[in-house]
Amino acid sequence: MGNAVVVTTQLPPAEAEALLMALREQYRSNLNEHWYADQFRLISDGLRHGAILAHVPVMAAQKRLMAALSLSLKSVK
């Protein structure tokens, strides 16, 4: 990603955990919504998640942010 946007922030662990929980819930809801949508319904289960992420940029960003938050929280503990 040559032109990637870098976001840096500092959060207390409690806020980071709350944000991570909210992102996970929103991600689950969005994934469920798109999983059964006509656009993705005919894609095999093994490829469907990747196809959704490729077509829904907000979910791809959420996945990266959840991974970064999880890693940061593990390094704090």
N, C-alpha and C. Protein backbone atom coordinates (compact mmCIF):
# COMPACT_ATOMS: atom_id res chain seq x y z
N MET A 1 0.84 -1.18 0.00
CA MET A 1 0.00 0.00 0.00
C MET A 1 0.88 1.24 0.00
N GLY A 2 1.23 1.70 -1.16
CA GLY A 2 2.09 2.85 -1.28
C GLY A 2 1.46 4.14 -0.81
N ASN A 3 0.18 4.29 -0.97
CA ASN A 3 -0.49 5.52 -0.57
C ASN A 3 -1.42 5.30 0.63
N ALA A 4 -1.01 4.41 1.52
CA ALA A 4 -1.84 4.07 2.68
C ALA A 4 -1.96 5.24 3.65
N VAL A 5 -3.08 5.30 4.30
CA VAL A 5 -3.33 6.28 5.36
C VAL A 5 -2.92 5.64 6.68
N VAL A 6 -2.12 6.33 7.45
CA VAL A 6 -1.67 5.83 8.74
C VAL A 6 -2.41 6.60 9.83
N VAL A 7 -3.03 5.86 10.73
CA VAL A 7 -3.77 6.46 11.84
C VAL A 7 -3.11 6.01 13.13
N THR A 8 -2.75 6.97 13.95
CA THR A 8 -2.14 6.67 15.24
C THR A 8 -2.96 7.34 16.33
N THR A 9 -3.22 6.59 17.40
CA THR A 9 -3.98 7.15 18.51
C THR A 9 -3.54 6.48 19.80
N GLN A 10 -3.85 7.11 20.89
CA GLN A 10 -3.60 6.53 22.20
C GLN A 10 -4.93 6.47 22.95
N LEU A 11 -5.25 5.28 23.41
CA LEU A 11 -6.49 5.08 24.15
C LEU A 11 -6.20 4.35 25.44
N PRO A 12 -6.91 4.67 26.50
CA PRO A 12 -6.81 3.85 27.71
C PRO A 12 -7.31 2.44 27.36
N PRO A 13 -6.79 1.42 28.02
CA PRO A 13 -7.20 0.05 27.71
C PRO A 13 -8.72 -0.16 27.75
N ALA A 14 -9.40 0.46 28.68
CA ALA A 14 -10.85 0.28 28.77
C ALA A 14 -11.56 0.81 27.52
N GLU A 15 -11.11 1.95 27.03
CA GLU A 15 -11.70 2.51 25.81
C GLU A 15 -11.36 1.65 24.60
N ALA A 16 -10.14 1.15 24.53
CA ALA A 16 -9.74 0.29 23.42
C ALA A 16 -10.56 -0.99 23.41
N GLU A 17 -10.77 -1.58 24.57
CA GLU A 17 -11.58 -2.80 24.66
C GLU A 17 -13.03 -2.52 24.27
N ALA A 18 -13.57 -1.40 24.70
CA ALA A 18 -14.94 -1.03 24.35
C ALA A 18 -15.07 -0.82 22.84
N LEU A 19 -14.10 -0.15 22.26
CA LEU A 19 -14.11 0.07 20.82
C LEU A 19 -14.00 -1.25 20.07
N LEU A 20 -13.15 -2.14 20.53
CA LEU A 20 -12.99 -3.45 19.90
C LEU A 20 -14.29 -4.24 19.96
N MET A 21 -14.95 -4.23 21.11
CA MET A 21 -16.22 -4.94 21.24
C MET A 21 -17.28 -4.36 20.31
N ALA A 22 -17.34 -3.05 20.20
CA ALA A 22 -18.31 -2.40 19.32
C ALA A 22 -18.02 -2.72 17.85
N LEU A 23 -16.74 -2.71 17.48
CA LEU A 23 -16.37 -3.04 16.11
C LEU A 23 -16.71 -4.49 15.78
N ARG A 24 -16.46 -5.39 16.71
CA ARG A 24 -16.77 -6.81 16.48
C ARG A 24 -18.27 -7.01 16.26
N GLU A 25 -19.07 -6.36 17.07
CA GLU A 25 -20.52 -6.50 16.94
C GLU A 25 -21.00 -5.93 15.61
N GLN A 26 -20.50 -4.77 15.25
CA GLN A 26 -20.88 -4.16 13.98
C GLN A 26 -20.42 -5.02 12.80
N TYR A 27 -19.22 -5.58 12.90
CA TYR A 27 -18.68 -6.44 11.85
C TYR A 27 -19.54 -7.69 11.70
N ARG A 28 -19.90 -8.31 12.82
CA ARG A 28 -20.75 -9.51 12.78
C ARG A 28 -22.09 -9.19 12.10
N SER A 29 -22.67 -8.06 12.46
CA SER A 29 -23.95 -7.67 11.89
C SER A 29 -23.83 -7.43 10.38
N ASN A 30 -22.79 -6.70 9.98
CA ASN A 30 -22.58 -6.43 8.56
C ASN A 30 -22.29 -7.70 7.78
N LEU A 31 -21.48 -8.60 8.35
CA LEU A 31 -21.17 -9.84 7.67
C LEU A 31 -22.43 -10.67 7.48
N ASN A 32 -23.26 -10.75 8.49
CA ASN A 32 -24.51 -11.50 8.38
C ASN A 32 -25.41 -10.90 7.31
N GLU A 33 -25.47 -9.59 7.27
CA GLU A 33 -26.31 -8.90 6.28
C GLU A 33 -25.83 -9.21 4.86
N HIS A 34 -24.52 -9.12 4.63
CA HIS A 34 -23.98 -9.33 3.29
C HIS A 34 -23.91 -10.81 2.92
N TRP A 35 -23.73 -11.67 3.90
CA TRP A 35 -23.56 -13.10 3.65
C TRP A 35 -24.74 -13.67 2.85
N TYR A 36 -25.94 -13.21 3.20
CA TYR A 36 -27.14 -13.74 2.56
C TYR A 36 -27.68 -12.84 1.45
N ALA A 37 -26.97 -11.76 1.13
CA ALA A 37 -27.40 -10.86 0.07
C ALA A 37 -27.28 -11.55 -1.28
N ASP A 38 -28.16 -11.22 -2.21
CA ASP A 38 -28.16 -11.84 -3.53
C ASP A 38 -26.80 -11.73 -4.23
N GLN A 39 -26.10 -10.63 -4.01
CA GLN A 39 -24.81 -10.40 -4.66
C GLN A 39 -23.79 -11.48 -4.29
N PHE A 40 -23.86 -12.01 -3.09
CA PHE A 40 -22.86 -12.97 -2.61
C PHE A 40 -23.42 -14.38 -2.39
N ARG A 41 -24.70 -14.54 -2.52
CA ARG A 41 -25.37 -15.80 -2.19
C ARG A 41 -24.83 -16.99 -2.98
N LEU A 42 -24.46 -16.79 -4.22
CA LEU A 42 -24.02 -17.89 -5.08
C LEU A 42 -22.53 -18.18 -4.99
N ILE A 43 -21.80 -17.39 -4.22
CA ILE A 43 -20.37 -17.62 -4.02
C ILE A 43 -20.22 -18.68 -2.93
N SER A 44 -19.31 -19.65 -3.17
CA SER A 44 -19.16 -20.74 -2.19
C SER A 44 -18.73 -20.18 -0.84
N ASP A 45 -19.10 -20.91 0.21
CA ASP A 45 -18.83 -20.46 1.58
C ASP A 45 -17.35 -20.16 1.81
N GLY A 46 -16.46 -20.95 1.24
CA GLY A 46 -15.04 -20.76 1.45
C GLY A 46 -14.48 -19.48 0.85
N LEU A 47 -15.17 -18.94 -0.15
CA LEU A 47 -14.70 -17.73 -0.82
C LEU A 47 -15.55 -16.50 -0.52
N ARG A 48 -16.68 -16.71 0.11
CA ARG A 48 -17.65 -15.62 0.29
C ARG A 48 -17.12 -14.49 1.19
N HIS A 49 -16.46 -14.84 2.30
CA HIS A 49 -15.97 -13.80 3.21
C HIS A 49 -14.99 -12.88 2.49
N GLY A 50 -14.05 -13.45 1.76
CA GLY A 50 -13.09 -12.65 1.00
C GLY A 50 -13.75 -11.79 -0.06
N ALA A 51 -14.76 -12.33 -0.71
CA ALA A 51 -15.48 -11.57 -1.73
C ALA A 51 -16.21 -10.38 -1.10
N ILE A 52 -16.78 -10.60 0.06
CA ILE A 52 -17.46 -9.50 0.76
C ILE A 52 -16.46 -8.42 1.12
N LEU A 53 -15.31 -8.82 1.68
CA LEU A 53 -14.30 -7.82 2.06
C LEU A 53 -13.79 -7.05 0.84
N ALA A 54 -13.70 -7.72 -0.29
CA ALA A 54 -13.22 -7.06 -1.51
C ALA A 54 -14.23 -6.03 -2.03
N HIS A 55 -15.50 -6.24 -1.75
CA HIS A 55 -16.54 -5.34 -2.26
C HIS A 55 -17.09 -4.37 -1.22
N VAL A 56 -16.75 -4.56 0.04
CA VAL A 56 -17.26 -3.68 1.10
C VAL A 56 -16.05 -3.12 1.86
N PRO A 57 -15.48 -2.00 1.40
CA PRO A 57 -14.25 -1.48 1.99
C PRO A 57 -14.34 -1.16 3.48
N VAL A 58 -15.51 -0.77 3.96
CA VAL A 58 -15.63 -0.45 5.39
C VAL A 58 -15.39 -1.69 6.23
N MET A 59 -15.81 -2.85 5.74
CA MET A 59 -15.60 -4.08 6.50
C MET A 59 -14.13 -4.48 6.49
N ALA A 60 -13.46 -4.26 5.36
CA ALA A 60 -12.03 -4.55 5.30
C ALA A 60 -11.27 -3.65 6.27
N ALA A 61 -11.68 -2.39 6.35
CA ALA A 61 -11.04 -1.46 7.30
C ALA A 61 -11.34 -1.87 8.74
N GLN A 62 -12.56 -2.29 9.01
CA GLN A 62 -12.91 -2.74 10.36
C GLN A 62 -12.06 -3.95 10.75
N LYS A 63 -11.85 -4.86 9.82
CA LYS A 63 -11.07 -6.06 10.12
C LYS A 63 -9.64 -5.69 10.48
N ARG A 64 -9.05 -4.76 9.74
CA ARG A 64 -7.68 -4.31 10.04
C ARG A 64 -7.62 -3.60 11.39
N LEU A 65 -8.62 -2.76 11.66
CA LEU A 65 -8.64 -2.03 12.93
C LEU A 65 -8.83 -2.98 14.10
N MET A 66 -9.68 -3.98 13.95
CA MET A 66 -9.87 -4.96 15.03
C MET A 66 -8.58 -5.72 15.29
N ALA A 67 -7.86 -6.07 14.25
CA ALA A 67 -6.59 -6.79 14.42
C ALA A 67 -5.57 -5.90 15.13
N ALA A 68 -5.51 -4.63 14.75
CA ALA A 68 -4.55 -3.71 15.38
C ALA A 68 -4.90 -3.49 16.86
N LEU A 69 -6.18 -3.32 17.15
CA LEU A 69 -6.60 -3.13 18.53
C LEU A 69 -6.30 -4.38 19.37
N SER A 70 -6.59 -5.56 18.83
CA SER A 70 -6.32 -6.81 19.56
C SER A 70 -4.84 -6.95 19.86
N LEU A 71 -4.01 -6.69 18.88
CA LEU A 71 -2.56 -6.79 19.07
C LEU A 71 -2.07 -5.79 20.11
N SER A 72 -2.57 -4.56 20.04
CA SER A 72 -2.16 -3.54 20.99
C SER A 72 -2.59 -3.88 22.41
N LEU A 73 -3.82 -4.39 22.54
CA LEU A 73 -4.30 -4.77 23.87
C LEU A 73 -3.50 -5.92 24.46
N LYS A 74 -3.09 -6.86 23.62
CA LYS A 74 -2.28 -7.99 24.11
C LYS A 74 -0.92 -7.52 24.56
N SER A 75 -0.35 -6.52 23.89
CA SER A 75 0.97 -6.04 24.27
C SER A 75 0.93 -5.23 25.55
N VAL A 76 -0.24 -4.66 25.89
CA VAL A 76 -0.39 -3.88 27.12
C VAL A 76 -0.52 -4.80 28.33
N LYS A 77 -1.15 -5.96 28.14
CA LYS A 77 -1.42 -6.87 29.26
C LYS A 77 -0.24 -7.69 29.62
